[in-house]
Amino acid sequence: MSFVLCFLMTVWITFINLGAVEGFFMNWARAFLFAWPVAWLISFSFGPKIAAIAQKLCKQTT
């Protein structure tokens, strides 16, 4: 999950900041390499708690 989300977000934000310029791929790859470990750590650290909250919210609405 962290890979896909990080991939999509870094492509989008890099495109918003730079546009379709020469060197886009290298700029995106650098952003991705810095962001993915952080995204993984956040997903690993907060994932179980967020899943528990989501389950509680789903039980309340049914």
PDB file of N, CA and C in Angstrom:
ATOM      1  N   MET A   1       0.822  -1.188   0.000  1.00  0.00           N
ATOM      2  CA  MET A   1       0.000   0.000   0.000  1.00  0.00           C
ATOM      3  C   MET A   1       0.871   1.258   0.000  1.00  0.00           C
ATOM      4  N   SER A   2       1.924   1.254   0.802  1.00  0.00           N
ATOM      5  CA  SER A   2       2.778   2.441   0.851  1.00  0.00           C
ATOM      6  C   SER A   2       3.455   2.689  -0.492  1.00  0.00           C
ATOM      7  N   PHE A   3       3.815   1.617  -1.195  1.00  0.00           N
ATOM      8  CA  PHE A   3       4.459   1.764  -2.508  1.00  0.00           C
ATOM      9  C   PHE A   3       3.527   2.452  -3.495  1.00  0.00           C
ATOM     10  N   VAL A   4       2.301   1.955  -3.606  1.00  0.00           N
ATOM     11  CA  VAL A   4       1.354   2.499  -4.584  1.00  0.00           C
ATOM     12  C   VAL A   4       0.993   3.943  -4.242  1.00  0.00           C
ATOM     13  N   LEU A   5       0.666   4.196  -2.995  1.00  0.00           N
ATOM     14  CA  LEU A   5       0.299   5.552  -2.603  1.00  0.00           C
ATOM     15  C   LEU A   5       1.465   6.513  -2.807  1.00  0.00           C
ATOM     16  N   CYS A   6       2.644   6.115  -2.412  1.00  0.00           N
ATOM     17  CA  CYS A   6       3.818   6.967  -2.572  1.00  0.00           C
ATOM     18  C   CYS A   6       4.112   7.211  -4.050  1.00  0.00           C
ATOM     19  N   PHE A   7       4.005   6.166  -4.858  1.00  0.00           N
ATOM     20  CA  PHE A   7       4.222   6.294  -6.300  1.00  0.00           C
ATOM     21  C   PHE A   7       3.281   7.329  -6.894  1.00  0.00           C
ATOM     22  N   LEU A   8       1.998   7.174  -6.632  1.00  0.00           N
ATOM     23  CA  LEU A   8       1.004   8.076  -7.217  1.00  0.00           C
ATOM     24  C   LEU A   8       1.143   9.501  -6.699  1.00  0.00           C
ATOM     25  N   MET A   9       1.361   9.657  -5.414  1.00  0.00           N
ATOM     26  CA  MET A   9       1.453  11.000  -4.842  1.00  0.00           C
ATOM     27  C   MET A   9       2.708  11.728  -5.309  1.00  0.00           C
ATOM     28  N   THR A  10       3.843  11.044  -5.379  1.00  0.00           N
ATOM     29  CA  THR A  10       5.055  11.730  -5.815  1.00  0.00           C
ATOM     30  C   THR A  10       4.994  12.092  -7.290  1.00  0.00           C
ATOM     31  N   VAL A  11       4.380  11.234  -8.116  1.00  0.00           N
ATOM     32  CA  VAL A  11       4.203  11.592  -9.532  1.00  0.00           C
ATOM     33  C   VAL A  11       3.338  12.837  -9.639  1.00  0.00           C
ATOM     34  N   TRP A  12       2.228  12.848  -8.926  1.00  0.00           N
ATOM     35  CA  TRP A  12       1.293  13.962  -9.001  1.00  0.00           C
ATOM     36  C   TRP A  12       1.916  15.270  -8.493  1.00  0.00           C
ATOM     37  N   ILE A  13       2.531  15.233  -7.334  1.00  0.00           N
ATOM     38  CA  ILE A  13       3.104  16.451  -6.755  1.00  0.00           C
ATOM     39  C   ILE A  13       4.291  16.950  -7.579  1.00  0.00           C
ATOM     40  N   THR A  14       5.115  16.028  -8.080  1.00  0.00           N
ATOM     41  CA  THR A  14       6.223  16.440  -8.938  1.00  0.00           C
ATOM     42  C   THR A  14       5.697  17.101 -10.200  1.00  0.00           C
ATOM     43  N   PHE A  15       4.642  16.540 -10.773  1.00  0.00           N
ATOM     44  CA  PHE A  15       4.046  17.136 -11.975  1.00  0.00           C
ATOM     45  C   PHE A  15       3.451  18.509 -11.672  1.00  0.00           C
ATOM     46  N   ILE A  16       2.767  18.655 -10.555  1.00  0.00           N
ATOM     47  CA  ILE A  16       2.193  19.956 -10.178  1.00  0.00           C
ATOM     48  C   ILE A  16       3.299  20.996 -10.006  1.00  0.00           C
ATOM     49  N   ASN A  17       4.392  20.603  -9.346  1.00  0.00           N
ATOM     50  CA  ASN A  17       5.470  21.556  -9.071  1.00  0.00           C
ATOM     51  C   ASN A  17       6.302  21.897 -10.295  1.00  0.00           C
ATOM     52  N   LEU A  18       6.566  20.910 -11.162  1.00  0.00           N
ATOM     53  CA  LEU A  18       7.495  21.132 -12.270  1.00  0.00           C
ATOM     54  C   LEU A  18       6.839  21.148 -13.639  1.00  0.00           C
ATOM     55  N   GLY A  19       5.717  20.449 -13.782  1.00  0.00           N
ATOM     56  CA  GLY A  19       5.125  20.269 -15.097  1.00  0.00           C
ATOM     57  C   GLY A  19       5.895  19.194 -15.863  1.00  0.00           C
ATOM     58  N   ALA A  20       5.583  19.068 -17.142  1.00  0.00           N
ATOM     59  CA  ALA A  20       6.229  18.056 -17.983  1.00  0.00           C
ATOM     60  C   ALA A  20       7.528  18.634 -18.542  1.00  0.00           C
ATOM     61  N   VAL A  21       8.551  18.677 -17.725  1.00  0.00           N
ATOM     62  CA  VAL A  21       9.831  19.267 -18.107  1.00  0.00           C
ATOM     63  C   VAL A  21      10.861  18.174 -18.361  1.00  0.00           C
ATOM     64  N   GLU A  22      11.939  18.578 -19.008  1.00  0.00           N
ATOM     65  CA  GLU A  22      13.058  17.659 -19.179  1.00  0.00           C
ATOM     66  C   GLU A  22      13.610  17.321 -17.791  1.00  0.00           C
ATOM     67  N   GLY A  23      13.883  16.072 -17.561  1.00  0.00           N
ATOM     68  CA  GLY A  23      14.381  15.638 -16.266  1.00  0.00           C
ATOM     69  C   GLY A  23      13.277  15.306 -15.279  1.00  0.00           C
ATOM     70  N   PHE A  24      12.031  15.293 -15.758  1.00  0.00           N
ATOM     71  CA  PHE A  24      10.912  14.994 -14.864  1.00  0.00           C
ATOM     72  C   PHE A  24      11.103  13.651 -14.175  1.00  0.00           C
ATOM     73  N   PHE A  25      11.469  12.625 -14.942  1.00  0.00           N
ATOM     74  CA  PHE A  25      11.604  11.284 -14.370  1.00  0.00           C
ATOM     75  C   PHE A  25      12.643  11.247 -13.256  1.00  0.00           C
ATOM     76  N   MET A  26      13.766  11.899 -13.454  1.00  0.00           N
ATOM     77  CA  MET A  26      14.811  11.894 -12.424  1.00  0.00           C
ATOM     78  C   MET A  26      14.352  12.645 -11.168  1.00  0.00           C
ATOM     79  N   ASN A  27      13.665  13.756 -11.358  1.00  0.00           N
ATOM     80  CA  ASN A  27      13.136  14.499 -10.206  1.00  0.00           C
ATOM     81  C   ASN A  27      12.099  13.677  -9.458  1.00  0.00           C
ATOM     82  N   TRP A  28      11.220  13.003 -10.218  1.00  0.00           N
ATOM     83  CA  TRP A  28      10.217  12.160  -9.579  1.00  0.00           C
ATOM     84  C   TRP A  28      10.883  11.006  -8.839  1.00  0.00           C
ATOM     85  N   ALA A  29      11.851  10.335  -9.478  1.00  0.00           N
ATOM     86  CA  ALA A  29      12.516   9.185  -8.855  1.00  0.00           C
ATOM     87  C   ALA A  29      13.189   9.584  -7.544  1.00  0.00           C
ATOM     88  N   ARG A  30      13.792  10.743  -7.517  1.00  0.00           N
ATOM     89  CA  ARG A  30      14.452  11.217  -6.289  1.00  0.00           C
ATOM     90  C   ARG A  30      13.412  11.451  -5.189  1.00  0.00           C
ATOM     91  N   ALA A  31      12.313  12.096  -5.548  1.00  0.00           N
ATOM     92  CA  ALA A  31      11.244  12.333  -4.567  1.00  0.00           C
ATOM     93  C   ALA A  31      10.695  11.005  -4.056  1.00  0.00           C
ATOM     94  N   PHE A  32      10.494  10.056  -4.961  1.00  0.00           N
ATOM     95  CA  PHE A  32       9.963   8.751  -4.578  1.00  0.00           C
ATOM     96  C   PHE A  32      10.919   8.028  -3.624  1.00  0.00           C
ATOM     97  N   LEU A  33      12.209   8.038  -3.925  1.00  0.00           N
ATOM     98  CA  LEU A  33      13.175   7.340  -3.075  1.00  0.00           C
ATOM     99  C   LEU A  33      13.259   7.934  -1.671  1.00  0.00           C
ATOM    100  N   PHE A  34      13.050   9.230  -1.559  1.00  0.00           N
ATOM    101  CA  PHE A  34      13.031   9.851  -0.233  1.00  0.00           C
ATOM    102  C   PHE A  34      11.714   9.595   0.496  1.00  0.00           C
ATOM    103  N   ALA A  35      10.615   9.559  -0.247  1.00  0.00           N
ATOM    104  CA  ALA A  35       9.296   9.468   0.379  1.00  0.00           C
ATOM    105  C   ALA A  35       8.885   8.045   0.737  1.00  0.00           C
ATOM    106  N   TRP A  36       9.293   7.057  -0.050  1.00  0.00           N
ATOM    107  CA  TRP A  36       8.796   5.704   0.174  1.00  0.00           C
ATOM    108  C   TRP A  36       9.152   5.143   1.558  1.00  0.00           C
ATOM    109  N   PRO A  37      10.385   5.266   2.032  1.00  0.00           N
ATOM    110  CA  PRO A  37      10.657   4.746   3.386  1.00  0.00           C
ATOM    111  C   PRO A  37       9.800   5.404   4.465  1.00  0.00           C
ATOM    112  N   VAL A  38       9.559   6.691   4.308  1.00  0.00           N
ATOM    113  CA  VAL A  38       8.719   7.403   5.280  1.00  0.00           C
ATOM    114  C   VAL A  38       7.281   6.914   5.183  1.00  0.00           C
ATOM    115  N   ALA A  39       6.794   6.740   3.946  1.00  0.00           N
ATOM    116  CA  ALA A  39       5.434   6.237   3.755  1.00  0.00           C
ATOM    117  C   ALA A  39       5.279   4.840   4.349  1.00  0.00           C
ATOM    118  N   TRP A  40       6.295   4.005   4.175  1.00  0.00           N
ATOM    119  CA  TRP A  40       6.246   2.658   4.731  1.00  0.00           C
ATOM    120  C   TRP A  40       6.201   2.724   6.260  1.00  0.00           C
ATOM    121  N   LEU A  41       7.034   3.537   6.840  1.00  0.00           N
ATOM    122  CA  LEU A  41       7.078   3.662   8.299  1.00  0.00           C
ATOM    123  C   LEU A  41       5.745   4.173   8.846  1.00  0.00           C
ATOM    124  N   ILE A  42       5.156   5.148   8.196  1.00  0.00           N
ATOM    125  CA  ILE A  42       3.864   5.677   8.622  1.00  0.00           C
ATOM    126  C   ILE A  42       2.785   4.610   8.490  1.00  0.00           C
ATOM    127  N   SER A  43       2.764   3.895   7.366  1.00  0.00           N
ATOM    128  CA  SER A  43       1.772   2.832   7.167  1.00  0.00           C
ATOM    129  C   SER A  43       1.925   1.737   8.207  1.00  0.00           C
ATOM    130  N   PHE A  44       3.142   1.346   8.469  1.00  0.00           N
ATOM    131  CA  PHE A  44       3.410   0.286   9.440  1.00  0.00           C
ATOM    132  C   PHE A  44       3.047   0.730  10.852  1.00  0.00           C
ATOM    133  N   SER A  45       3.364   1.970  11.180  1.00  0.00           N
ATOM    134  CA  SER A  45       3.133   2.473  12.535  1.00  0.00           C
ATOM    135  C   SER A  45       1.663   2.770  12.818  1.00  0.00           C
ATOM    136  N   PHE A  46       0.982   3.390  11.876  1.00  0.00           N
ATOM    137  CA  PHE A  46      -0.376   3.841  12.114  1.00  0.00           C
ATOM    138  C   PHE A  46      -1.449   2.954  11.507  1.00  0.00           C
ATOM    139  N   GLY A  47      -1.065   2.043  10.620  1.00  0.00           N
ATOM    140  CA  GLY A  47      -2.024   1.192   9.927  1.00  0.00           C
ATOM    141  C   GLY A  47      -2.959   0.419  10.836  1.00  0.00           C
ATOM    142  N   PRO A  48      -2.435  -0.318  11.827  1.00  0.00           N
ATOM    143  CA  PRO A  48      -3.321  -1.093  12.700  1.00  0.00           C
ATOM    144  C   PRO A  48      -4.321  -0.221  13.468  1.00  0.00           C
ATOM    145  N   LYS A  49      -3.886   0.910  13.960  1.00  0.00           N
ATOM    146  CA  LYS A  49      -4.775   1.800  14.712  1.00  0.00           C
ATOM    147  C   LYS A  49      -5.859   2.375  13.796  1.00  0.00           C
ATOM    148  N   ILE A  50      -5.469   2.770  12.595  1.00  0.00           N
ATOM    149  CA  ILE A  50      -6.438   3.318  11.647  1.00  0.00           C
ATOM    150  C   ILE A  50      -7.428   2.247  11.217  1.00  0.00           C
ATOM    151  N   ALA A  51      -6.960   1.004  11.029  1.00  0.00           N
ATOM    152  CA  ALA A  51      -7.857  -0.094  10.668  1.00  0.00           C
ATOM    153  C   ALA A  51      -8.872  -0.348  11.785  1.00  0.00           C
ATOM    154  N   ALA A  52      -8.418  -0.282  13.035  1.00  0.00           N
ATOM    155  CA  ALA A  52      -9.327  -0.482  14.167  1.00  0.00           C
ATOM    156  C   ALA A  52     -10.385   0.620  14.224  1.00  0.00           C
ATOM    157  N   ILE A  53      -9.978   1.847  13.992  1.00  0.00           N
ATOM    158  CA  ILE A  53     -10.926   2.959  13.977  1.00  0.00           C
ATOM    159  C   ILE A  53     -11.940   2.775  12.846  1.00  0.00           C
ATOM    160  N   ALA A  54     -11.472   2.371  11.686  1.00  0.00           N
ATOM    161  CA  ALA A  54     -12.360   2.149  10.545  1.00  0.00           C
ATOM    162  C   ALA A  54     -13.367   1.048  10.845  1.00  0.00           C
ATOM    163  N   GLN A  55     -12.923  -0.013  11.495  1.00  0.00           N
ATOM    164  CA  GLN A  55     -13.850  -1.096  11.861  1.00  0.00           C
ATOM    165  C   GLN A  55     -14.921  -0.599  12.825  1.00  0.00           C
ATOM    166  N   LYS A  56     -14.519   0.181  13.808  1.00  0.00           N
ATOM    167  CA  LYS A  56     -15.499   0.723  14.762  1.00  0.00           C
ATOM    168  C   LYS A  56     -16.509   1.626  14.057  1.00  0.00           C
ATOM    169  N   LEU A  57     -16.031   2.452  13.154  1.00  0.00           N
ATOM    170  CA  LEU A  57     -16.933   3.333  12.421  1.00  0.00           C
ATOM    171  C   LEU A  57     -17.889   2.538  11.534  1.00  0.00           C
ATOM    172  N   CYS A  58     -17.399   1.487  10.911  1.00  0.00           N
ATOM    173  CA  CYS A  58     -18.272   0.671  10.063  1.00  0.00           C
ATOM    174  C   CYS A  58     -19.319  -0.059  10.888  1.00  0.00           C
ATOM    175  N   LYS A  59     -18.968  -0.512  12.063  1.00  0.00           N
ATOM    176  CA  LYS A  59     -19.941  -1.201  12.927  1.00  0.00           C
ATOM    177  C   LYS A  59     -21.016  -0.238  13.408  1.00  0.00           C
ATOM    178  N   GLN A  60     -20.676   1.020  13.611  1.00  0.00           N
ATOM    179  CA  GLN A  60     -21.641   2.003  14.080  1.00  0.00           C
ATOM    180  C   GLN A  60     -22.661   2.355  13.005  1.00  0.00           C
ATOM    181  N   THR A  61     -22.277   2.273  11.749  1.00  0.00           N
ATOM    182  CA  THR A  61     -23.186   2.674  10.687  1.00  0.00           C
ATOM    183  C   THR A  61     -24.089   1.539  10.206  1.00  0.00           C
ATOM    184  N   THR A  62     -23.819   0.307  10.608  1.00  0.00           N
ATOM    185  CA  THR A  62     -24.659  -0.808  10.165  1.00  0.00           C
ATOM    186  C   THR A  62     -25.647  -1.209  11.216  1.00  0.00           C
TER     187      THR A  62
END
